[in-house]
C-alpha atoms as a PDB file:
ATOM      1  CA  UNK A   1     142.426  39.665  89.542  1.00  0.00           C
ATOM      2  CA  UNK A   2     140.536  40.648  86.412  1.00  0.00           C
ATOM      3  CA  UNK A   3     139.144  44.166  86.311  1.00  0.00           C
ATOM      4  CA  UNK A   4     135.987  44.830  84.309  1.00  0.00           C
ATOM      5  CA  UNK A   5     134.841  48.343  83.461  1.00  0.00           C
ATOM      6  CA  UNK A   6     131.389  48.914  81.960  1.00  0.00           C
ATOM      7  CA  UNK A   7     130.364  52.014  80.069  1.00  0.00           C
ATOM      8  CA  UNK A   8     127.608  53.246  77.803  1.00  0.00           C
ATOM      9  CA  UNK A   9     124.657  53.379  80.153  1.00  0.00           C
ATOM     10  CA  UNK A  10     122.338  56.349  80.414  1.00  0.00           C
ATOM     11  CA  UNK A  11     118.837  57.681  79.966  1.00  0.00           C
ATOM     12  CA  UNK A  12     116.989  56.822  76.768  1.00  0.00           C
ATOM     13  CA  UNK A  13     113.416  57.109  75.588  1.00  0.00           C
ATOM     14  CA  UNK A  14     111.314  54.023  74.908  1.00  0.00           C
ATOM     15  CA  UNK A  15     112.145  52.639  71.499  1.00  0.00           C
ATOM     16  CA  UNK A  16     115.655  54.031  71.635  1.00  0.00           C
ATOM     17  CA  UNK A  17     119.034  52.301  71.576  1.00  0.00           C
ATOM     18  CA  UNK A  18     122.145  52.084  73.694  1.00  0.00           C
ATOM     19  CA  UNK A  19     125.390  50.176  73.362  1.00  0.00           C
ATOM     20  CA  UNK A  20     127.102  48.976  76.498  1.00  0.00           C
ATOM     21  CA  UNK A  21     130.788  48.127  76.557  1.00  0.00           C
ATOM     22  CA  UNK A  22     132.797  46.133  79.047  1.00  0.00           C
ATOM     23  CA  UNK A  23     136.576  46.288  78.925  1.00  0.00           C
ATOM     24  CA  UNK A  24     138.586  43.600  80.695  1.00  0.00           C
ATOM     25  CA  UNK A  25     142.130  43.768  82.010  1.00  0.00           C
ATOM     26  CA  UNK A  26     144.635  40.972  81.782  1.00  0.00           C
ATOM     27  CA  UNK A  27     145.139  38.117  79.386  1.00  0.00           C
ATOM     28  CA  UNK A  28     142.194  35.809  80.101  1.00  0.00           C
ATOM     29  CA  UNK A  29     139.573  37.560  77.995  1.00  0.00           C
ATOM     30  CA  UNK A  30     139.968  35.488  74.828  1.00  0.00           C
ATOM     31  CA  UNK A  31     139.320  32.213  76.684  1.00  0.00           C
ATOM     32  CA  UNK A  32     136.592  33.558  78.947  1.00  0.00           C
ATOM     33  CA  UNK A  33     132.853  33.263  78.746  1.00  0.00           C
ATOM     34  CA  UNK A  34     131.316  36.697  79.079  1.00  0.00           C
ATOM     35  CA  UNK A  35     127.870  37.608  80.312  1.00  0.00           C
ATOM     36  CA  UNK A  36     125.653  40.625  80.735  1.00  0.00           C
ATOM     37  CA  UNK A  37     123.334  40.619  83.738  1.00  0.00           C
ATOM     38  CA  UNK A  38     120.899  43.191  85.022  1.00  0.00           C
ATOM     39  CA  UNK A  39     119.253  43.984  88.297  1.00  0.00           C
ATOM     40  CA  UNK A  40     116.200  46.159  88.633  1.00  0.00           C
ATOM     41  CA  UNK A  41     115.158  47.650  91.992  1.00  0.00           C
ATOM     42  CA  UNK A  42     113.579  45.005  94.200  1.00  0.00           C
ATOM     43  CA  UNK A  43     114.391  42.204  91.785  1.00  0.00           C
ATOM     44  CA  UNK A  44     117.033  39.516  91.556  1.00  0.00           C
ATOM     45  CA  UNK A  45     119.943  39.819  89.194  1.00  0.00           C
ATOM     46  CA  UNK A  46     119.162  38.055  85.937  1.00  0.00           C
ATOM     47  CA  UNK A  47     121.154  36.925  82.924  1.00  0.00           C
ATOM     48  CA  UNK A  48     120.454  39.043  79.852  1.00  0.00           C
ATOM     49  CA  UNK A  49     122.977  37.708  77.345  1.00  0.00           C
ATOM     50  CA  UNK A  50     126.045  35.525  77.244  1.00  0.00           C
ATOM     51  CA  UNK A  51     128.777  34.829  74.737  1.00  0.00           C
ATOM     52  CA  UNK A  52     131.260  31.977  74.794  1.00  0.00           C
ATOM     53  CA  UNK A  53     134.940  32.254  73.964  1.00  0.00           C
ATOM     54  CA  UNK A  54     134.030  30.897  70.533  1.00  0.00           C
ATOM     55  CA  UNK A  55     131.399  33.543  69.930  1.00  0.00           C
ATOM     56  CA  UNK A  56     128.231  31.534  70.542  1.00  0.00           C
ATOM     57  CA  UNK A  57     125.491  33.605  72.125  1.00  0.00           C
ATOM     58  CA  UNK A  58     122.326  33.063  74.088  1.00  0.00           C
ATOM     59  CA  UNK A  59     119.744  35.543  75.319  1.00  0.00           C
ATOM     60  CA  UNK A  60     116.971  35.872  77.827  1.00  0.00           C
ATOM     61  CA  UNK A  61     113.573  35.483  76.181  1.00  0.00           C
ATOM     62  CA  UNK A  62     112.677  39.034  77.174  1.00  0.00           C
ATOM     63  CA  UNK A  63     115.447  40.538  75.022  1.00  0.00           C
ATOM     64  CA  UNK A  64     115.635  38.151  72.062  1.00  0.00           C
ATOM     65  CA  UNK A  65     115.460  40.016  68.790  1.00  0.00           C
ATOM     66  CA  UNK A  66     116.239  43.348  70.478  1.00  0.00           C
ATOM     67  CA  UNK A  67     119.652  42.871  72.094  1.00  0.00           C
ATOM     68  CA  UNK A  68     122.865  41.657  70.492  1.00  0.00           C
ATOM     69  CA  UNK A  69     125.950  40.570  72.380  1.00  0.00           C
ATOM     70  CA  UNK A  70     129.339  40.579  70.651  1.00  0.00           C
ATOM     71  CA  UNK A  71     132.991  40.553  71.561  1.00  0.00           C
ATOM     72  CA  UNK A  72     136.262  41.882  70.196  1.00  0.00           C
ATOM     73  CA  UNK A  73     139.128  39.805  71.537  1.00  0.00           C
ATOM     74  CA  UNK A  74     141.690  42.217  70.096  1.00  0.00           C
ATOM     75  CA  UNK A  75     140.284  44.910  72.391  1.00  0.00           C
ATOM     76  CA  UNK A  76     139.418  42.689  75.379  1.00  0.00           C
ATOM     77  CA  UNK A  77     135.914  44.105  75.123  1.00  0.00           C
ATOM     78  CA  UNK A  78     132.395  42.717  75.080  1.00  0.00           C
ATOM     79  CA  UNK A  79     129.419  44.717  73.858  1.00  0.00           C
ATOM     80  CA  UNK A  80     125.684  44.701  74.359  1.00  0.00           C
ATOM     81  CA  UNK A  81     123.746  46.479  71.637  1.00  0.00           C
ATOM     82  CA  UNK A  82     120.273  47.238  72.949  1.00  0.00           C
ATOM     83  CA  UNK A  83     117.565  48.293  70.514  1.00  0.00           C
ATOM     84  CA  UNK A  84     113.840  48.935  70.894  1.00  0.00           C
ATOM     85  CA  UNK A  85     114.334  49.596  74.569  1.00  0.00           C
ATOM     86  CA  UNK A  86     111.391  49.335  76.915  1.00  0.00           C
ATOM     87  CA  UNK A  87     110.796  50.811  80.380  1.00  0.00           C
ATOM     88  CA  UNK A  88     111.092  47.300  81.810  1.00  0.00           C
ATOM     89  CA  UNK A  89     114.692  47.196  80.579  1.00  0.00           C
ATOM     90  CA  UNK A  90     115.547  49.785  83.231  1.00  0.00           C
ATOM     91  CA  UNK A  91     118.167  48.298  85.536  1.00  0.00           C
ATOM     92  CA  UNK A  92     121.804  48.321  86.501  1.00  0.00           C
ATOM     93  CA  UNK A  93     123.659  46.247  83.939  1.00  0.00           C
ATOM     94  CA  UNK A  94     126.674  44.208  85.015  1.00  0.00           C
ATOM     95  CA  UNK A  95     129.396  42.516  83.019  1.00  0.00           C
ATOM     96  CA  UNK A  96     130.687  39.114  84.105  1.00  0.00           C
ATOM     97  CA  UNK A  97     133.789  37.166  83.098  1.00  0.00           C
ATOM     98  CA  UNK A  98     134.225  33.455  83.816  1.00  0.00           C
ATOM     99  CA  UNK A  99     136.996  31.017  83.081  1.00  0.00           C
ATOM    100  CA  UNK A 100     135.840  27.537  84.105  1.00  0.00           C
ATOM    101  CA  UNK A 101     135.730  27.505  87.915  1.00  0.00           C
ATOM    102  CA  UNK A 102     138.938  29.467  88.238  1.00  0.00           C
ATOM    103  CA  UNK A 103     137.855  33.042  87.660  1.00  0.00           C
ATOM    104  CA  UNK A 104     134.510  34.770  88.216  1.00  0.00           C
ATOM    105  CA  UNK A 105     134.741  38.552  88.023  1.00  0.00           C
ATOM    106  CA  UNK A 106     132.121  41.311  87.981  1.00  0.00           C
ATOM    107  CA  UNK A 107     132.133  44.895  86.874  1.00  0.00           C
ATOM    108  CA  UNK A 108     130.788  47.766  88.928  1.00  0.00           C
ATOM    109  CA  UNK A 109     127.639  48.121  86.848  1.00  0.00           C
ATOM    110  CA  UNK A 110     126.179  50.814  84.632  1.00  0.00           C
ATOM    111  CA  UNK A 111     122.705  52.301  84.966  1.00  0.00           C
ATOM    112  CA  UNK A 112     120.277  52.063  82.076  1.00  0.00           C
ATOM    113  CA  UNK A 113     117.060  54.038  82.412  1.00  0.00           C
ATOM    114  CA  UNK A 114     114.338  53.854  79.784  1.00  0.00           C
ATOM    115  CA  UNK A 115     111.801  56.582  80.308  1.00  0.00           C
ATOM    116  CA  UNK A 116     109.970  59.304  78.442  1.00  0.00           C
END
């Protein structure tokens, strides 16, 4: 079972930045597709950003140009750099790891609150 631990959430003012990290246990990280999802109160969980094992990324339209997803396979860690944050970015952010149809693991989530 892969364990994922997110960190880096918190309270930030509009226009500010945060960097989320997600550390994975085990030896599957380098071949896994990683994703960042978020869920705001009363809303469905949505994909924010994803990165393949080869480093290709894709983003939700709402965060393009503001968020950057990256990974460091030597540290078994994926990052989400969030700039120009908006109140509508407020949500619990979750990390996801997938290896084909064999493994699908989730972290516990980290709260991001954007408010003045």
